[in-house]
All heavy atoms as atom14 arrays in JSON, in Angstrom:
{
  "sequence": "VYENPIYGDKAVFLKTAAETGGLYTLIEMEVSAGGGNEPHLHEDYA",
  "atom14_mask": [
    [1, 1, 1, 1, 1, 1, 1, 0, 0, 0, 0, 0, 0, 0],
    [1, 1, 1, 1, 1, 1, 1, 1, 1, 1, 1, 1, 0, 0],
    [1, 1, 1, 1, 1, 1, 1, 1, 1, 0, 0, 0, 0, 0],
    [1, 1, 1, 1, 1, 1, 1, 1, 0, 0, 0, 0, 0, 0],
    [1, 1, 1, 1, 1, 1, 1, 0, 0, 0, 0, 0, 0, 0],
    [1, 1, 1, 1, 1, 1, 1, 1, 0, 0, 0, 0, 0, 0],
    [1, 1, 1, 1, 1, 1, 1, 1, 1, 1, 1, 1, 0, 0],
    [1, 1, 1, 1, 0, 0, 0, 0, 0, 0, 0, 0, 0, 0],
    [1, 1, 1, 1, 1, 1, 1, 1, 0, 0, 0, 0, 0, 0],
    [1, 1, 1, 1, 1, 1, 1, 1, 1, 0, 0, 0, 0, 0],
    [1, 1, 1, 1, 1, 0, 0, 0, 0, 0, 0, 0, 0, 0],
    [1, 1, 1, 1, 1, 1, 1, 0, 0, 0, 0, 0, 0, 0],
    [1, 1, 1, 1, 1, 1, 1, 1, 1, 1, 1, 0, 0, 0],
    [1, 1, 1, 1, 1, 1, 1, 1, 0, 0, 0, 0, 0, 0],
    [1, 1, 1, 1, 1, 1, 1, 1, 1, 0, 0, 0, 0, 0],
    [1, 1, 1, 1, 1, 1, 1, 0, 0, 0, 0, 0, 0, 0],
    [1, 1, 1, 1, 1, 0, 0, 0, 0, 0, 0, 0, 0, 0],
    [1, 1, 1, 1, 1, 0, 0, 0, 0, 0, 0, 0, 0, 0],
    [1, 1, 1, 1, 1, 1, 1, 1, 1, 0, 0, 0, 0, 0],
    [1, 1, 1, 1, 1, 1, 1, 0, 0, 0, 0, 0, 0, 0],
    [1, 1, 1, 1, 0, 0, 0, 0, 0, 0, 0, 0, 0, 0],
    [1, 1, 1, 1, 0, 0, 0, 0, 0, 0, 0, 0, 0, 0],
    [1, 1, 1, 1, 1, 1, 1, 1, 0, 0, 0, 0, 0, 0],
    [1, 1, 1, 1, 1, 1, 1, 1, 1, 1, 1, 1, 0, 0],
    [1, 1, 1, 1, 1, 1, 1, 0, 0, 0, 0, 0, 0, 0],
    [1, 1, 1, 1, 1, 1, 1, 1, 0, 0, 0, 0, 0, 0],
    [1, 1, 1, 1, 1, 1, 1, 1, 0, 0, 0, 0, 0, 0],
    [1, 1, 1, 1, 1, 1, 1, 1, 1, 0, 0, 0, 0, 0],
    [1, 1, 1, 1, 1, 1, 1, 1, 0, 0, 0, 0, 0, 0],
    [1, 1, 1, 1, 1, 1, 1, 1, 1, 0, 0, 0, 0, 0],
    [1, 1, 1, 1, 1, 1, 1, 0, 0, 0, 0, 0, 0, 0],
    [1, 1, 1, 1, 1, 1, 0, 0, 0, 0, 0, 0, 0, 0],
    [1, 1, 1, 1, 1, 0, 0, 0, 0, 0, 0, 0, 0, 0],
    [1, 1, 1, 1, 0, 0, 0, 0, 0, 0, 0, 0, 0, 0],
    [1, 1, 1, 1, 0, 0, 0, 0, 0, 0, 0, 0, 0, 0],
    [1, 1, 1, 1, 0, 0, 0, 0, 0, 0, 0, 0, 0, 0],
    [1, 1, 1, 1, 1, 1, 1, 1, 0, 0, 0, 0, 0, 0],
    [1, 1, 1, 1, 1, 1, 1, 1, 1, 0, 0, 0, 0, 0],
    [1, 1, 1, 1, 1, 1, 1, 0, 0, 0, 0, 0, 0, 0],
    [1, 1, 1, 1, 1, 1, 1, 1, 1, 1, 0, 0, 0, 0],
    [1, 1, 1, 1, 1, 1, 1, 1, 0, 0, 0, 0, 0, 0],
    [1, 1, 1, 1, 1, 1, 1, 1, 1, 1, 0, 0, 0, 0],
    [1, 1, 1, 1, 1, 1, 1, 1, 1, 0, 0, 0, 0, 0],
    [1, 1, 1, 1, 1, 1, 1, 1, 0, 0, 0, 0, 0, 0],
    [1, 1, 1, 1, 1, 1, 1, 1, 1, 1, 1, 1, 0, 0],
    [1, 1, 1, 1, 1, 0, 0, 0, 0, 0, 0, 0, 0, 0]
  ],
  "atom14_positions": [
    [[13.54, 164.73, -27.61], [14.29, 164.24, -26.46], [15.75, 164.6, -26.67], [16.34, 164.27, -27.7], [14.14, 162.71, -26.3], [14.98, 162.2, -25.14], [12.67, 162.33, -26.12], [0.0, 0.0, 0.0], [0.0, 0.0, 0.0], [0.0, 0.0, 0.0], [0.0, 0.0, 0.0], [0.0, 0.0, 0.0], [0.0, 0.0, 0.0], [0.0, 0.0, 0.0]],
    [[16.33, 165.28, -25.71], [17.75, 165.62, -25.74], [18.48, 164.64, -24.83], [18.05, 164.41, -23.7], [17.98, 167.07, -25.28], [17.35, 168.06, -26.22], [16.03, 168.47, -26.07], [18.09, 168.57, -27.28], [15.46, 169.37, -26.94], [17.52, 169.47, -28.18], [16.2, 169.85, -27.99], [15.63, 170.74, -28.88], [0.0, 0.0, 0.0], [0.0, 0.0, 0.0]],
    [[19.56, 164.06, -25.33], [20.3, 163.06, -24.56], [21.75, 163.44, -24.4], [22.37, 163.97, -25.33], [20.21, 161.7, -25.25], [18.8, 161.16, -25.3], [18.72, 159.75, -25.87], [19.36, 158.86, -25.29], [18.05, 159.58, -26.89], [0.0, 0.0, 0.0], [0.0, 0.0, 0.0], [0.0, 0.0, 0.0], [0.0, 0.0, 0.0], [0.0, 0.0, 0.0]],
    [[22.29, 163.15, -23.23], [23.7, 163.34, -22.96], [24.35, 161.96, -22.94], [24.1, 161.18, -22.03], [23.9, 164.05, -21.63], [25.35, 164.38, -21.37], [26.24, 163.61, -21.7], [25.58, 165.51, -20.75], [0.0, 0.0, 0.0], [0.0, 0.0, 0.0], [0.0, 0.0, 0.0], [0.0, 0.0, 0.0], [0.0, 0.0, 0.0], [0.0, 0.0, 0.0]],
    [[25.18, 161.64, -23.95], [25.75, 160.31, -24.03], [26.76, 159.99, -22.93], [27.02, 158.83, -22.64], [26.44, 160.31, -25.4], [26.77, 161.73, -25.65], [25.65, 162.52, -25.02], [0.0, 0.0, 0.0], [0.0, 0.0, 0.0], [0.0, 0.0, 0.0], [0.0, 0.0, 0.0], [0.0, 0.0, 0.0], [0.0, 0.0, 0.0], [0.0, 0.0, 0.0]],
    [[27.3, 161.0, -22.3], [28.27, 160.77, -21.22], [27.58, 160.22, -19.98], [28.02, 159.26, -19.38], [29.05, 162.06, -20.91], [29.93, 162.41, -22.1], [29.88, 161.91, -19.64], [30.65, 163.7, -22.0], [0.0, 0.0, 0.0], [0.0, 0.0, 0.0], [0.0, 0.0, 0.0], [0.0, 0.0, 0.0], [0.0, 0.0, 0.0], [0.0, 0.0, 0.0]],
    [[26.48, 160.84, -19.62], [25.75, 160.44, -18.42], [24.59, 159.5, -18.7], [24.08, 158.86, -17.8], [25.19, 161.66, -17.69], [26.2, 162.69, -17.31], [26.07, 164.0, -17.7], [27.31, 162.35, -16.54], [26.99, 164.96, -17.34], [28.24, 163.3, -16.18], [28.08, 164.59, -16.58], [29.0, 165.53, -16.23], [0.0, 0.0, 0.0], [0.0, 0.0, 0.0]],
    [[24.11, 159.5, -19.94], [22.9, 158.74, -20.24], [21.65, 159.47, -19.8], [20.57, 158.88, -19.72], [0.0, 0.0, 0.0], [0.0, 0.0, 0.0], [0.0, 0.0, 0.0], [0.0, 0.0, 0.0], [0.0, 0.0, 0.0], [0.0, 0.0, 0.0], [0.0, 0.0, 0.0], [0.0, 0.0, 0.0], [0.0, 0.0, 0.0], [0.0, 0.0, 0.0]],
    [[21.76, 160.76, -19.51], [20.6, 161.56, -19.09], [19.75, 161.92, -20.3], [20.25, 162.02, -21.41], [21.06, 162.86, -18.44], [21.8, 162.66, -17.13], [21.89, 161.51, -16.67], [22.29, 163.65, -16.58], [0.0, 0.0, 0.0], [0.0, 0.0, 0.0], [0.0, 0.0, 0.0], [0.0, 0.0, 0.0], [0.0, 0.0, 0.0], [0.0, 0.0, 0.0]],
    [[18.47, 162.15, -20.02], [17.54, 162.6, -21.06], [16.76, 163.8, -20.54], [16.45, 163.87, -19.35], [16.56, 161.49, -21.42], [17.2, 160.29, -22.06], [16.15, 159.23, -22.37], [16.82, 158.0, -22.96], [15.86, 156.93, -23.21], [0.0, 0.0, 0.0], [0.0, 0.0, 0.0], [0.0, 0.0, 0.0], [0.0, 0.0, 0.0], [0.0, 0.0, 0.0]],
    [[16.44, 164.71, -21.44], [15.65, 165.89, -21.09], [14.61, 166.13, -22.17], [14.91, 166.03, -23.36], [16.55, 167.11, -20.94], [0.0, 0.0, 0.0], [0.0, 0.0, 0.0], [0.0, 0.0, 0.0], [0.0, 0.0, 0.0], [0.0, 0.0, 0.0], [0.0, 0.0, 0.0], [0.0, 0.0, 0.0], [0.0, 0.0, 0.0], [0.0, 0.0, 0.0]],
    [[13.4, 166.44, -21.74], [12.31, 166.8, -22.65], [11.72, 168.11, -22.14], [11.35, 168.22, -20.96], [11.22, 165.71, -22.68], [10.06, 166.14, -23.56], [11.78, 164.37, -23.13], [0.0, 0.0, 0.0], [0.0, 0.0, 0.0], [0.0, 0.0, 0.0], [0.0, 0.0, 0.0], [0.0, 0.0, 0.0], [0.0, 0.0, 0.0], [0.0, 0.0, 0.0]],
    [[11.65, 169.09, -23.02], [11.05, 170.37, -22.65], [9.54, 170.23, -22.76], [8.99, 170.15, -23.85], [11.56, 171.48, -23.57], [13.01, 171.78, -23.37], [13.98, 171.08, -24.07], [13.42, 172.73, -22.45], [15.32, 171.34, -23.88], [14.76, 173.0, -22.24], [15.71, 172.31, -22.96], [0.0, 0.0, 0.0], [0.0, 0.0, 0.0], [0.0, 0.0, 0.0]],
    [[8.86, 170.22, -21.61], [7.41, 170.11, -21.6], [6.77, 171.47, -21.87], [5.74, 171.56, -22.54], [6.93, 169.56, -20.26], [7.48, 168.18, -19.87], [6.97, 167.77, -18.5], [7.11, 167.14, -20.92], [0.0, 0.0, 0.0], [0.0, 0.0, 0.0], [0.0, 0.0, 0.0], [0.0, 0.0, 0.0], [0.0, 0.0, 0.0], [0.0, 0.0, 0.0]],
    [[7.36, 172.53, -21.34], [6.91, 173.9, -21.58], [8.14, 174.8, -21.59], [8.91, 174.81, -20.63], [5.96, 174.39, -20.47], [4.61, 173.73, -20.44], [3.73, 174.26, -21.54], [2.35, 173.64, -21.45], [1.47, 174.12, -22.49], [0.0, 0.0, 0.0], [0.0, 0.0, 0.0], [0.0, 0.0, 0.0], [0.0, 0.0, 0.0], [0.0, 0.0, 0.0]],
    [[8.32, 175.53, -22.65], [9.43, 176.47, -22.72], [8.99, 177.84, -22.2], [7.78, 178.1, -22.06], [9.92, 176.62, -24.17], [8.88, 177.22, -24.95], [10.36, 175.28, -24.77], [0.0, 0.0, 0.0], [0.0, 0.0, 0.0], [0.0, 0.0, 0.0], [0.0, 0.0, 0.0], [0.0, 0.0, 0.0], [0.0, 0.0, 0.0], [0.0, 0.0, 0.0]],
    [[9.96, 178.69, -21.94], [9.64, 180.05, -21.5], [8.78, 180.75, -22.54], [7.85, 181.48, -22.2], [10.93, 180.82, -21.23], [0.0, 0.0, 0.0], [0.0, 0.0, 0.0], [0.0, 0.0, 0.0], [0.0, 0.0, 0.0], [0.0, 0.0, 0.0], [0.0, 0.0, 0.0], [0.0, 0.0, 0.0], [0.0, 0.0, 0.0], [0.0, 0.0, 0.0]],
    [[9.07, 180.53, -23.81], [8.28, 181.15, -24.88], [6.83, 180.69, -24.83], [5.91, 181.49, -25.06], [8.89, 180.84, -26.24], [0.0, 0.0, 0.0], [0.0, 0.0, 0.0], [0.0, 0.0, 0.0], [0.0, 0.0, 0.0], [0.0, 0.0, 0.0], [0.0, 0.0, 0.0], [0.0, 0.0, 0.0], [0.0, 0.0, 0.0], [0.0, 0.0, 0.0]],
    [[6.62, 179.41, -24.53], [5.26, 178.86, -24.49], [4.46, 179.35, -23.29], [3.24, 179.33, -23.31], [5.3, 177.33, -24.49], [5.8, 176.74, -25.79], [6.06, 175.25, -25.71], [6.53, 174.76, -24.65], [5.8, 174.56, -26.7], [0.0, 0.0, 0.0], [0.0, 0.0, 0.0], [0.0, 0.0, 0.0], [0.0, 0.0, 0.0], [0.0, 0.0, 0.0]],
    [[5.15, 179.77, -22.22], [4.45, 180.22, -21.01], [4.5, 181.73, -20.84], [4.16, 182.24, -19.77], [5.04, 179.55, -19.74], [6.38, 180.03, -19.56], [5.0, 178.04, -19.83], [0.0, 0.0, 0.0], [0.0, 0.0, 0.0], [0.0, 0.0, 0.0], [0.0, 0.0, 0.0], [0.0, 0.0, 0.0], [0.0, 0.0, 0.0], [0.0, 0.0, 0.0]],
    [[4.91, 182.43, -21.88], [5.02, 183.87, -21.77], [6.05, 184.32, -20.74], [5.92, 185.38, -20.14], [0.0, 0.0, 0.0], [0.0, 0.0, 0.0], [0.0, 0.0, 0.0], [0.0, 0.0, 0.0], [0.0, 0.0, 0.0], [0.0, 0.0, 0.0], [0.0, 0.0, 0.0], [0.0, 0.0, 0.0], [0.0, 0.0, 0.0], [0.0, 0.0, 0.0]],
    [[7.06, 183.47, -20.52], [8.13, 183.8, -19.57], [7.84, 183.44, -18.13], [8.68, 183.67, -17.26], [0.0, 0.0, 0.0], [0.0, 0.0, 0.0], [0.0, 0.0, 0.0], [0.0, 0.0, 0.0], [0.0, 0.0, 0.0], [0.0, 0.0, 0.0], [0.0, 0.0, 0.0], [0.0, 0.0, 0.0], [0.0, 0.0, 0.0], [0.0, 0.0, 0.0]],
    [[6.67, 182.87, -17.86], [6.34, 182.55, -16.47], [7.2, 181.43, -15.9], [7.62, 181.48, -14.75], [4.85, 182.17, -16.35], [3.86, 183.27, -16.62], [2.43, 182.75, -16.57], [4.05, 184.42, -15.62], [0.0, 0.0, 0.0], [0.0, 0.0, 0.0], [0.0, 0.0, 0.0], [0.0, 0.0, 0.0], [0.0, 0.0, 0.0], [0.0, 0.0, 0.0]],
    [[7.43, 180.4, -16.72], [8.25, 179.28, -16.24], [8.75, 178.46, -17.42], [8.26, 178.58, -18.55], [7.47, 178.39, -15.27], [6.26, 177.69, -15.85], [6.36, 176.41, -16.4], [5.01, 178.29, -15.85], [5.26, 175.76, -16.94], [3.9, 177.67, -16.38], [4.03, 176.39, -16.93], [2.93, 175.76, -17.46], [0.0, 0.0, 0.0], [0.0, 0.0, 0.0]],
    [[9.73, 177.62, -17.13], [10.23, 176.58, -18.03], [10.01, 175.27, -17.29], [10.32, 175.17, -16.1], [11.74, 176.75, -18.31], [11.94, 177.96, -19.03], [12.3, 175.58, -19.11], [0.0, 0.0, 0.0], [0.0, 0.0, 0.0], [0.0, 0.0, 0.0], [0.0, 0.0, 0.0], [0.0, 0.0, 0.0], [0.0, 0.0, 0.0], [0.0, 0.0, 0.0]],
    [[9.48, 174.25, -17.97], [9.25, 172.95, -17.35], [9.93, 171.87, -18.18], [9.65, 171.73, -19.38], [7.75, 172.67, -17.25], [7.35, 171.37, -16.54], [7.81, 171.35, -15.08], [5.83, 171.18, -16.62], [0.0, 0.0, 0.0], [0.0, 0.0, 0.0], [0.0, 0.0, 0.0], [0.0, 0.0, 0.0], [0.0, 0.0, 0.0], [0.0, 0.0, 0.0]],
    [[10.83, 171.13, -17.54], [11.61, 170.09, -18.2], [11.42, 168.78, -17.45], [11.43, 168.76, -16.23], [13.12, 170.45, -18.21], [13.35, 171.81, -18.87], [13.93, 169.37, -18.91], [14.76, 172.34, -18.72], [0.0, 0.0, 0.0], [0.0, 0.0, 0.0], [0.0, 0.0, 0.0], [0.0, 0.0, 0.0], [0.0, 0.0, 0.0], [0.0, 0.0, 0.0]],
    [[11.24, 167.71, -18.21], [11.24, 166.38, -17.6], [12.62, 165.77, -17.81], [13.13, 165.76, -18.93], [10.17, 165.48, -18.22], [10.1, 164.12, -17.52], [8.95, 163.28, -18.04], [9.13, 162.66, -19.11], [7.89, 163.29, -17.39], [0.0, 0.0, 0.0], [0.0, 0.0, 0.0], [0.0, 0.0, 0.0], [0.0, 0.0, 0.0], [0.0, 0.0, 0.0]],
    [[13.22, 165.3, -16.74], [14.57, 164.75, -16.79], [14.55, 163.28, -16.39], [13.78, 162.88, -15.52], [15.48, 165.48, -15.78], [15.64, 166.96, -15.99], [16.72, 167.4, -17.34], [18.25, 166.59, -16.93], [0.0, 0.0, 0.0], [0.0, 0.0, 0.0], [0.0, 0.0, 0.0], [0.0, 0.0, 0.0], [0.0, 0.0, 0.0], [0.0, 0.0, 0.0]],
    [[15.41, 162.51, -17.04], [15.71, 161.14, -16.61], [17.2, 161.11, -16.35], [18.0, 161.49, -17.22], [15.38, 160.12, -17.7], [13.92, 159.8, -17.81], [13.66, 158.66, -18.79], [14.46, 157.7, -18.85], [12.65, 158.74, -19.5], [0.0, 0.0, 0.0], [0.0, 0.0, 0.0], [0.0, 0.0, 0.0], [0.0, 0.0, 0.0], [0.0, 0.0, 0.0]],
    [[17.58, 160.69, -15.14], [18.98, 160.69, -14.76], [19.37, 159.27, -14.37], [18.7, 158.62, -13.56], [19.23, 161.67, -13.59], [20.68, 161.61, -13.12], [18.88, 163.09, -14.02], [0.0, 0.0, 0.0], [0.0, 0.0, 0.0], [0.0, 0.0, 0.0], [0.0, 0.0, 0.0], [0.0, 0.0, 0.0], [0.0, 0.0, 0.0], [0.0, 0.0, 0.0]],
    [[20.46, 158.8, -14.95], [20.96, 157.46, -14.69], [21.46, 157.32, -13.26], [21.79, 158.31, -12.6], [22.11, 157.13, -15.64], [21.68, 157.17, -16.97], [0.0, 0.0, 0.0], [0.0, 0.0, 0.0], [0.0, 0.0, 0.0], [0.0, 0.0, 0.0], [0.0, 0.0, 0.0], [0.0, 0.0, 0.0], [0.0, 0.0, 0.0], [0.0, 0.0, 0.0]],
    [[21.57, 156.08, -12.8], [22.13, 155.79, -11.49], [23.51, 156.43, -11.39], [24.31, 156.36, -12.32], [22.23, 154.29, -11.28], [0.0, 0.0, 0.0], [0.0, 0.0, 0.0], [0.0, 0.0, 0.0], [0.0, 0.0, 0.0], [0.0, 0.0, 0.0], [0.0, 0.0, 0.0], [0.0, 0.0, 0.0], [0.0, 0.0, 0.0], [0.0, 0.0, 0.0]],
    [[23.75, 157.13, -10.29], [25.02, 157.8, -10.08], [25.12, 159.17, -10.7], [26.09, 159.89, -10.47], [0.0, 0.0, 0.0], [0.0, 0.0, 0.0], [0.0, 0.0, 0.0], [0.0, 0.0, 0.0], [0.0, 0.0, 0.0], [0.0, 0.0, 0.0], [0.0, 0.0, 0.0], [0.0, 0.0, 0.0], [0.0, 0.0, 0.0], [0.0, 0.0, 0.0]],
    [[24.12, 159.58, -11.5], [24.16, 160.87, -12.17], [23.75, 162.02, -11.28], [23.34, 161.83, -10.14], [0.0, 0.0, 0.0], [0.0, 0.0, 0.0], [0.0, 0.0, 0.0], [0.0, 0.0, 0.0], [0.0, 0.0, 0.0], [0.0, 0.0, 0.0], [0.0, 0.0, 0.0], [0.0, 0.0, 0.0], [0.0, 0.0, 0.0], [0.0, 0.0, 0.0]],
    [[23.89, 163.2, -11.82], [23.52, 164.4, -11.08], [24.37, 165.57, -11.51], [25.03, 165.52, -12.55], [0.0, 0.0, 0.0], [0.0, 0.0, 0.0], [0.0, 0.0, 0.0], [0.0, 0.0, 0.0], [0.0, 0.0, 0.0], [0.0, 0.0, 0.0], [0.0, 0.0, 0.0], [0.0, 0.0, 0.0], [0.0, 0.0, 0.0], [0.0, 0.0, 0.0]],
    [[24.35, 166.62, -10.72], [25.17, 167.79, -11.04], [25.93, 168.25, -9.81], [25.8, 167.66, -8.73], [24.33, 168.9, -11.68], [23.21, 169.4, -10.79], [23.16, 169.15, -9.6], [22.29, 170.13, -11.38], [0.0, 0.0, 0.0], [0.0, 0.0, 0.0], [0.0, 0.0, 0.0], [0.0, 0.0, 0.0], [0.0, 0.0, 0.0], [0.0, 0.0, 0.0]],
    [[26.72, 169.29, -9.98], [27.56, 169.81, -8.91], [26.87, 170.99, -8.22], [26.02, 171.65, -8.82], [28.91, 170.25, -9.47], [29.73, 169.12, -10.08], [30.03, 168.0, -9.09], [30.37, 168.3, -7.92], [29.91, 166.82, -9.48], [0.0, 0.0, 0.0], [0.0, 0.0, 0.0], [0.0, 0.0, 0.0], [0.0, 0.0, 0.0], [0.0, 0.0, 0.0]],
    [[27.25, 171.28, -6.96], [26.64, 172.41, -6.26], [26.79, 173.72, -7.05], [27.86, 174.0, -7.61], [27.42, 172.47, -4.94], [27.86, 171.06, -4.71], [28.19, 170.54, -6.09], [0.0, 0.0, 0.0], [0.0, 0.0, 0.0], [0.0, 0.0, 0.0], [0.0, 0.0, 0.0], [0.0, 0.0, 0.0], [0.0, 0.0, 0.0], [0.0, 0.0, 0.0]],
    [[25.7, 174.46, -7.09], [25.64, 175.73, -7.82], [24.47, 176.53, -7.28], [23.71, 176.04, -6.44], [25.48, 175.48, -9.32], [24.21, 174.79, -9.68], [24.03, 173.43, -9.53], [23.03, 175.26, -10.15], [22.8, 173.09, -9.91], [22.18, 174.19, -10.28], [0.0, 0.0, 0.0], [0.0, 0.0, 0.0], [0.0, 0.0, 0.0], [0.0, 0.0, 0.0]],
    [[24.31, 177.74, -7.78], [23.13, 178.53, -7.42], [22.71, 179.34, -8.63], [23.47, 179.5, -9.59], [23.41, 179.44, -6.22], [24.48, 180.51, -6.34], [23.87, 181.84, -6.75], [25.21, 180.67, -5.03], [0.0, 0.0, 0.0], [0.0, 0.0, 0.0], [0.0, 0.0, 0.0], [0.0, 0.0, 0.0], [0.0, 0.0, 0.0], [0.0, 0.0, 0.0]],
    [[21.49, 179.83, -8.57], [20.93, 180.68, -9.62], [20.62, 182.03, -8.99], [19.98, 182.1, -7.96], [19.66, 180.06, -10.21], [19.83, 178.66, -10.67], [20.55, 178.32, -11.79], [19.4, 177.49, -10.13], [20.54, 177.01, -11.93], [19.86, 176.49, -10.94], [0.0, 0.0, 0.0], [0.0, 0.0, 0.0], [0.0, 0.0, 0.0], [0.0, 0.0, 0.0]],
    [[21.08, 183.08, -9.64], [20.9, 184.43, -9.1], [19.45, 184.87, -9.03], [19.04, 185.52, -8.08], [21.69, 185.45, -9.93], [23.18, 185.4, -9.72], [23.59, 185.86, -8.32], [22.96, 186.77, -7.77], [24.56, 185.29, -7.8], [0.0, 0.0, 0.0], [0.0, 0.0, 0.0], [0.0, 0.0, 0.0], [0.0, 0.0, 0.0], [0.0, 0.0, 0.0]],
    [[18.66, 184.53, -10.07], [17.35, 185.17, -10.17], [16.2, 184.23, -10.52], [15.18, 184.69, -11.0], [17.41, 186.32, -11.16], [17.94, 185.88, -12.53], [18.18, 184.68, -12.72], [18.09, 186.76, -13.4], [0.0, 0.0, 0.0], [0.0, 0.0, 0.0], [0.0, 0.0, 0.0], [0.0, 0.0, 0.0], [0.0, 0.0, 0.0], [0.0, 0.0, 0.0]],
    [[16.36, 182.96, -10.27], [15.22, 182.08, -10.49], [15.24, 180.89, -9.53], [16.28, 180.47, -9.06], [15.1, 181.61, -11.93], [16.29, 180.86, -12.53], [16.31, 179.47, -12.55], [17.36, 181.54, -13.1], [17.37, 178.79, -13.14], [18.41, 180.86, -13.68], [18.41, 179.48, -13.7], [19.46, 178.8, -14.26], [0.0, 0.0, 0.0], [0.0, 0.0, 0.0]],
    [[14.04, 180.4, -9.24], [13.86, 179.25, -8.36], [13.71, 177.99, -9.2], [13.35, 178.06, -10.38], [12.6, 179.45, -7.5], [0.0, 0.0, 0.0], [0.0, 0.0, 0.0], [0.0, 0.0, 0.0], [0.0, 0.0, 0.0], [0.0, 0.0, 0.0], [0.0, 0.0, 0.0], [0.0, 0.0, 0.0], [0.0, 0.0, 0.0], [0.0, 0.0, 0.0]]
  ]
}
């Protein structure tokens, strides 16, 4: 479990790109009340 002490967020990698042969990455996130991220985009992935 990876934790961010500033936000209180937690992340667990359920499947890494290496484990799926590059098909996908799957992460479970827990985000505290009021948490989140800023607007952004990704060039080459959904």
